[in-house]
């Protein structure tokens, strides 16, 4: 399998996971609200949620509507993260709380001497959120 094919598959897998984690009833936003905010039709969002290739302009249209960690999930296979051009004041208390929370979850996961796949997935999500917040601070 070529590098391009592996990247495409990894991005598609992460895209499906991103939509499952952030879009839907009881999540960050609903598909209808995301469609209204981004002006991407719900049917197109549904196909993206199923893994259809999402063009970069669609990712950029979704960026203001989703948390940074959601968009970063899509960029991670390429070793990149998106950082806003406009900076905002750092919320150092939120960063400290996020770092402390991640540290606690790592300790809890390792308490039995082994980090299982469920704990690893939870830690990755928590770390992804913290990295997104730290990326914004670094860009200041």
Foldseek 3Di string as FASTA:
>chain_A
DDPVVVLLVQLLVLQLVLCVQAEPPPHVYHLVVLCVQLVDDSVVSVVSNVRDDDDPVSLVSSPVVTQQLSSQSNCVVVPDGDEDLDADDQPVVVLVVLVVVLVVLVCVCCVVPDRDPVSVVVSVSSVSNSVRSVSRVVSD
